């Protein structure tokens, strides 16, 4: 009884595998190098058509992301410059405070 069930499962698997290979062959046959349709390209891994409009929108989106990344890098550089300037000013202020405290006598209770 179990042997019969396994055969049915194997037959289904073979049919499914044959169907996938037939679909892939059909997709490959639709790709011709001399075709006039430069608008559509078939993505064999996903079986979807990708138009030039989608490709251009992807390209513009990637350019926008690159611009955002560049701005972010500029802001981080400015932040590090400002923080180093702030550190320099704080050190300068601390040295002034140290000089003032050394010249004046502070009586602690």
N, C-alpha and C. Protein backbone atom coordinates (compact mmCIF):
# COMPACT_ATOMS: atom_id res chain seq x y z
N UNK A 1 0.82 -1.20 0.00
CA UNK A 1 0.00 0.00 0.00
C UNK A 1 0.86 1.26 0.00
N UNK A 2 1.90 1.29 0.80
CA UNK A 2 2.79 2.44 0.83
C UNK A 2 3.57 2.57 -0.47
N UNK A 3 3.89 1.44 -1.05
CA UNK A 3 4.64 1.45 -2.31
C UNK A 3 3.83 2.14 -3.41
N UNK A 4 2.52 1.89 -3.44
CA UNK A 4 1.65 2.51 -4.43
C UNK A 4 1.60 4.03 -4.23
N UNK A 5 1.54 4.48 -2.99
CA UNK A 5 1.50 5.92 -2.72
C UNK A 5 2.78 6.60 -3.17
N UNK A 6 3.89 5.96 -2.95
CA UNK A 6 5.15 6.54 -3.38
C UNK A 6 5.19 6.71 -4.89
N UNK A 7 4.68 5.73 -5.60
CA UNK A 7 4.68 5.83 -7.06
C UNK A 7 3.86 7.03 -7.52
N UNK A 8 2.73 7.24 -6.89
CA UNK A 8 1.89 8.38 -7.27
C UNK A 8 2.62 9.69 -7.00
N UNK A 9 3.28 9.76 -5.87
CA UNK A 9 4.02 10.98 -5.55
C UNK A 9 5.14 11.20 -6.55
N UNK A 10 5.83 10.12 -6.91
CA UNK A 10 6.91 10.25 -7.88
C UNK A 10 6.38 10.68 -9.24
N UNK A 11 5.21 10.15 -9.64
CA UNK A 11 4.63 10.54 -10.92
C UNK A 11 4.27 12.03 -10.91
N UNK A 12 3.70 12.49 -9.80
CA UNK A 12 3.36 13.92 -9.72
C UNK A 12 4.62 14.76 -9.80
N UNK A 13 5.66 14.33 -9.13
CA UNK A 13 6.92 15.08 -9.15
C UNK A 13 7.47 15.12 -10.57
N UNK A 14 7.43 13.99 -11.27
CA UNK A 14 7.93 13.96 -12.65
C UNK A 14 7.10 14.86 -13.54
N UNK A 15 5.76 14.85 -13.37
CA UNK A 15 4.90 15.71 -14.18
C UNK A 15 5.19 17.18 -13.91
N UNK A 16 5.38 17.51 -12.64
CA UNK A 16 5.68 18.89 -12.27
C UNK A 16 7.03 19.31 -12.86
N UNK A 17 8.00 18.41 -12.80
CA UNK A 17 9.32 18.72 -13.34
C UNK A 17 9.25 18.89 -14.86
N UNK A 18 8.48 18.02 -15.54
CA UNK A 18 8.33 18.14 -16.99
C UNK A 18 7.65 19.46 -17.34
N UNK A 19 6.64 19.84 -16.56
CA UNK A 19 5.93 21.08 -16.81
C UNK A 19 6.87 22.28 -16.69
N UNK A 20 7.73 22.26 -15.66
CA UNK A 20 8.67 23.36 -15.48
C UNK A 20 9.67 23.44 -16.63
N UNK A 21 10.15 22.28 -17.09
CA UNK A 21 11.11 22.31 -18.20
C UNK A 21 10.44 22.79 -19.47
N UNK A 22 9.18 22.42 -19.69
CA UNK A 22 8.46 22.89 -20.87
C UNK A 22 8.27 24.40 -20.80
N UNK A 23 7.91 24.92 -19.62
CA UNK A 23 7.74 26.37 -19.47
C UNK A 23 9.05 27.10 -19.72
N UNK A 24 10.14 26.56 -19.22
CA UNK A 24 11.45 27.19 -19.45
C UNK A 24 11.82 27.16 -20.92
N UNK A 25 11.51 26.06 -21.62
CA UNK A 25 11.79 25.98 -23.05
C UNK A 25 10.97 27.01 -23.83
N UNK A 26 9.71 27.17 -23.43
CA UNK A 26 8.85 28.16 -24.10
C UNK A 26 9.42 29.56 -23.90
N UNK A 27 9.85 29.86 -22.68
CA UNK A 27 10.44 31.17 -22.42
C UNK A 27 11.71 31.37 -23.22
N UNK A 28 12.53 30.33 -23.33
CA UNK A 28 13.77 30.44 -24.10
C UNK A 28 13.48 30.62 -25.58
N UNK A 29 12.43 29.96 -26.08
CA UNK A 29 12.09 30.08 -27.50
C UNK A 29 11.57 31.47 -27.84
N UNK A 30 10.96 32.15 -26.87
CA UNK A 30 10.46 33.50 -27.12
C UNK A 30 11.58 34.52 -27.18
N UNK A 31 12.73 34.18 -26.66
CA UNK A 31 13.88 35.08 -26.74
C UNK A 31 14.60 34.85 -28.06
N UNK A 32 14.49 35.81 -28.95
CA UNK A 32 15.21 35.72 -30.21
C UNK A 32 16.15 36.89 -30.30
N UNK A 33 17.38 36.69 -30.74
CA UNK A 33 18.34 37.80 -30.78
C UNK A 33 18.00 38.84 -31.83
N UNK A 34 17.24 38.47 -32.88
CA UNK A 34 16.92 39.40 -33.95
C UNK A 34 15.56 40.06 -33.77
N UNK A 35 14.98 39.99 -32.59
CA UNK A 35 13.65 40.54 -32.39
C UNK A 35 13.69 42.06 -32.39
N UNK A 36 12.58 42.65 -32.85
CA UNK A 36 12.47 44.11 -32.88
C UNK A 36 11.97 44.65 -31.56
N UNK A 37 11.54 43.79 -30.67
CA UNK A 37 10.99 44.23 -29.39
C UNK A 37 12.12 44.44 -28.40
N UNK A 38 12.71 45.61 -28.41
CA UNK A 38 13.74 45.94 -27.43
C UNK A 38 13.13 46.45 -26.14
N UNK A 39 11.80 46.63 -26.15
CA UNK A 39 11.13 47.19 -24.99
C UNK A 39 11.07 46.16 -23.87
N UNK A 40 10.79 44.90 -24.21
CA UNK A 40 10.63 43.88 -23.19
C UNK A 40 11.81 42.93 -23.17
N UNK A 41 12.22 42.58 -21.96
CA UNK A 41 13.24 41.55 -21.77
C UNK A 41 12.66 40.54 -20.80
N UNK A 42 12.84 39.27 -21.08
CA UNK A 42 12.26 38.24 -20.23
C UNK A 42 13.29 37.82 -19.20
N UNK A 43 12.88 37.86 -17.96
CA UNK A 43 13.74 37.40 -16.87
C UNK A 43 13.43 35.93 -16.63
N UNK A 44 14.35 35.05 -17.03
CA UNK A 44 14.09 33.62 -16.98
C UNK A 44 14.00 33.09 -15.56
N UNK A 45 14.72 33.69 -14.64
CA UNK A 45 14.71 33.17 -13.27
C UNK A 45 13.37 33.38 -12.61
N UNK A 46 12.67 34.44 -12.96
CA UNK A 46 11.38 34.72 -12.33
C UNK A 46 10.22 34.57 -13.30
N UNK A 47 10.50 34.56 -14.59
CA UNK A 47 9.44 34.40 -15.56
C UNK A 47 8.59 35.64 -15.72
N UNK A 48 9.17 36.79 -15.51
CA UNK A 48 8.43 38.05 -15.61
C UNK A 48 9.03 38.90 -16.71
N UNK A 49 8.20 39.75 -17.29
CA UNK A 49 8.68 40.69 -18.29
C UNK A 49 9.04 42.00 -17.59
N UNK A 50 10.20 42.52 -17.92
CA UNK A 50 10.66 43.77 -17.34
C UNK A 50 10.73 44.79 -18.46
N UNK A 51 9.98 45.88 -18.34
CA UNK A 51 9.97 46.89 -19.39
C UNK A 51 11.07 47.90 -19.17
N UNK A 52 11.34 48.67 -20.20
CA UNK A 52 12.37 49.70 -20.10
C UNK A 52 11.97 50.77 -19.10
N UNK A 53 10.66 51.03 -18.97
CA UNK A 53 10.21 52.04 -18.01
C UNK A 53 10.58 51.62 -16.59
N UNK A 54 10.39 50.36 -16.28
CA UNK A 54 10.73 49.87 -14.95
C UNK A 54 12.23 49.96 -14.74
N UNK A 55 12.99 49.59 -15.76
CA UNK A 55 14.45 49.67 -15.64
C UNK A 55 14.91 51.11 -15.43
N UNK A 56 14.28 52.05 -16.15
CA UNK A 56 14.68 53.45 -15.98
C UNK A 56 14.28 53.96 -14.60
N UNK A 57 13.11 53.52 -14.10
CA UNK A 57 12.72 53.96 -12.75
C UNK A 57 13.65 53.36 -11.71
N UNK A 58 14.09 52.13 -11.92
CA UNK A 58 15.06 51.53 -11.01
C UNK A 58 16.37 52.31 -11.05
N UNK A 59 16.77 52.71 -12.25
CA UNK A 59 18.02 53.47 -12.40
C UNK A 59 17.91 54.82 -11.70
N UNK A 60 16.77 55.53 -11.88
CA UNK A 60 16.61 56.82 -11.22
C UNK A 60 16.53 56.66 -9.71
N UNK A 61 15.86 55.60 -9.26
CA UNK A 61 15.79 55.36 -7.81
C UNK A 61 17.17 55.08 -7.24
N UNK A 62 17.99 54.35 -7.97
CA UNK A 62 19.34 54.08 -7.47
C UNK A 62 20.16 55.37 -7.45
N UNK A 63 19.94 56.26 -8.44
CA UNK A 63 20.64 57.55 -8.43
C UNK A 63 20.20 58.39 -7.24
N UNK A 64 18.91 58.36 -6.93
CA UNK A 64 18.39 59.11 -5.78
C UNK A 64 19.02 58.57 -4.50
N UNK A 65 19.09 57.24 -4.39
CA UNK A 65 19.70 56.65 -3.20
C UNK A 65 21.18 57.00 -3.08
N UNK A 66 21.88 57.05 -4.21
CA UNK A 66 23.28 57.46 -4.18
C UNK A 66 23.41 58.90 -3.71
N UNK A 67 22.50 59.78 -4.18
CA UNK A 67 22.51 61.17 -3.74
C UNK A 67 22.26 61.30 -2.25
N UNK A 68 21.30 60.53 -1.75
CA UNK A 68 21.01 60.55 -0.32
C UNK A 68 22.22 60.06 0.47
N UNK A 69 22.86 59.02 -0.02
CA UNK A 69 24.04 58.48 0.66
C UNK A 69 25.17 59.51 0.68
N UNK A 70 25.36 60.23 -0.44
CA UNK A 70 26.39 61.27 -0.48
C UNK A 70 26.09 62.39 0.51
N UNK A 71 24.82 62.83 0.58
CA UNK A 71 24.44 63.87 1.54
C UNK A 71 24.68 63.40 2.97
N UNK A 72 24.34 62.16 3.24
CA UNK A 72 24.55 61.60 4.58
C UNK A 72 26.03 61.61 4.93
N UNK A 73 26.87 61.23 3.98
CA UNK A 73 28.32 61.25 4.23
C UNK A 73 28.82 62.67 4.48
N UNK A 74 28.28 63.65 3.72
CA UNK A 74 28.67 65.05 3.95
C UNK A 74 28.28 65.50 5.35
N UNK A 75 27.05 65.14 5.78
CA UNK A 75 26.60 65.55 7.10
C UNK A 75 27.44 64.90 8.20
N UNK A 76 27.82 63.66 8.02
CA UNK A 76 28.66 63.02 9.04
C UNK A 76 30.03 63.68 9.10
N UNK A 77 30.57 64.09 7.94
CA UNK A 77 31.86 64.79 7.95
C UNK A 77 31.73 66.14 8.64
N UNK A 78 30.64 66.87 8.36
CA UNK A 78 30.43 68.16 9.02
C UNK A 78 30.26 67.97 10.52
N UNK A 79 29.56 66.92 10.90
CA UNK A 79 29.35 66.66 12.32
C UNK A 79 30.67 66.37 13.02
N UNK A 80 31.52 65.58 12.39
CA UNK A 80 32.82 65.29 13.01
C UNK A 80 33.67 66.55 13.09
N UNK A 81 33.62 67.40 12.04
CA UNK A 81 34.36 68.66 12.09
C UNK A 81 33.85 69.55 13.21
N UNK A 82 32.51 69.66 13.31
CA UNK A 82 31.93 70.50 14.35
C UNK A 82 32.23 69.95 15.74
N UNK A 83 32.21 68.64 15.88
CA UNK A 83 32.50 68.07 17.20
C UNK A 83 33.97 68.29 17.56
N UNK A 84 34.86 68.22 16.58
CA UNK A 84 36.27 68.47 16.89
C UNK A 84 36.48 69.94 17.25
N UNK A 85 35.78 70.85 16.55
CA UNK A 85 35.87 72.27 16.90
C UNK A 85 35.33 72.50 18.31
N UNK A 86 34.23 71.84 18.63
CA UNK A 86 33.65 71.97 19.96
C UNK A 86 34.62 71.46 21.01
N UNK A 87 35.25 70.33 20.73
CA UNK A 87 36.25 69.79 21.66
C UNK A 87 37.41 70.76 21.86
N UNK A 88 37.86 71.38 20.79
CA UNK A 88 38.95 72.35 20.89
C UNK A 88 38.53 73.54 21.75
N UNK A 89 37.31 74.03 21.53
CA UNK A 89 36.83 75.17 22.32
C UNK A 89 36.69 74.80 23.79
N UNK A 90 36.19 73.58 24.07
CA UNK A 90 36.07 73.15 25.46
C UNK A 90 37.44 73.02 26.12
N UNK A 91 38.41 72.50 25.41
CA UNK A 91 39.77 72.41 25.96
C UNK A 91 40.34 73.79 26.23
N UNK A 92 40.11 74.71 25.31
CA UNK A 92 40.58 76.09 25.49
C UNK A 92 39.93 76.71 26.72
N UNK A 93 38.63 76.51 26.88
CA UNK A 93 37.90 77.04 28.03
C UNK A 93 38.41 76.40 29.33
N UNK A 94 38.66 75.12 29.31
CA UNK A 94 39.18 74.45 30.51
C UNK A 94 40.56 74.98 30.90
N UNK A 95 41.40 75.25 29.93
CA UNK A 95 42.72 75.81 30.26
C UNK A 95 42.57 77.20 30.86
N UNK A 96 41.63 77.99 30.33
CA UNK A 96 41.39 79.32 30.90
C UNK A 96 40.91 79.21 32.34
N UNK A 97 40.00 78.28 32.58
CA UNK A 97 39.48 78.09 33.93
C UNK A 97 40.61 77.64 34.87
N UNK A 98 41.46 76.77 34.41
CA UNK A 98 42.59 76.31 35.22
C UNK A 98 43.54 77.47 35.55
N UNK A 99 43.80 78.33 34.59
CA UNK A 99 44.67 79.49 34.84
C UNK A 99 44.05 80.42 35.86
N UNK A 100 42.74 80.65 35.72
CA UNK A 100 42.07 81.56 36.66
C UNK A 100 42.08 80.98 38.07
N UNK A 101 41.84 79.70 38.20
CA UNK A 101 41.82 79.10 39.54
C UNK A 101 43.22 79.04 40.15
N UNK A 102 44.24 78.94 39.32
CA UNK A 102 45.60 78.90 39.87
C UNK A 102 46.04 80.28 40.35
N UNK A 103 45.55 81.33 39.72
CA UNK A 103 45.95 82.68 40.13
C UNK A 103 45.16 83.18 41.32
N UNK A 104 43.97 82.70 41.51
CA UNK A 104 43.16 83.16 42.65
C UNK A 104 43.21 82.11 43.75
N UNK A 105 43.13 82.61 44.97
CA UNK A 105 43.12 81.71 46.12
C UNK A 105 41.68 81.35 46.45
N UNK A 106 41.40 80.08 46.37
CA UNK A 106 40.05 79.61 46.69
C UNK A 106 40.13 78.93 48.05
N UNK A 107 39.33 79.44 48.97
CA UNK A 107 39.31 78.88 50.31
C UNK A 107 38.17 77.89 50.37
N UNK A 108 38.51 76.67 50.68
CA UNK A 108 37.46 75.66 50.80
C UNK A 108 37.08 75.51 52.26
N UNK A 109 35.86 75.31 52.52
CA UNK A 109 35.38 75.18 53.90
C UNK A 109 35.51 73.79 54.42
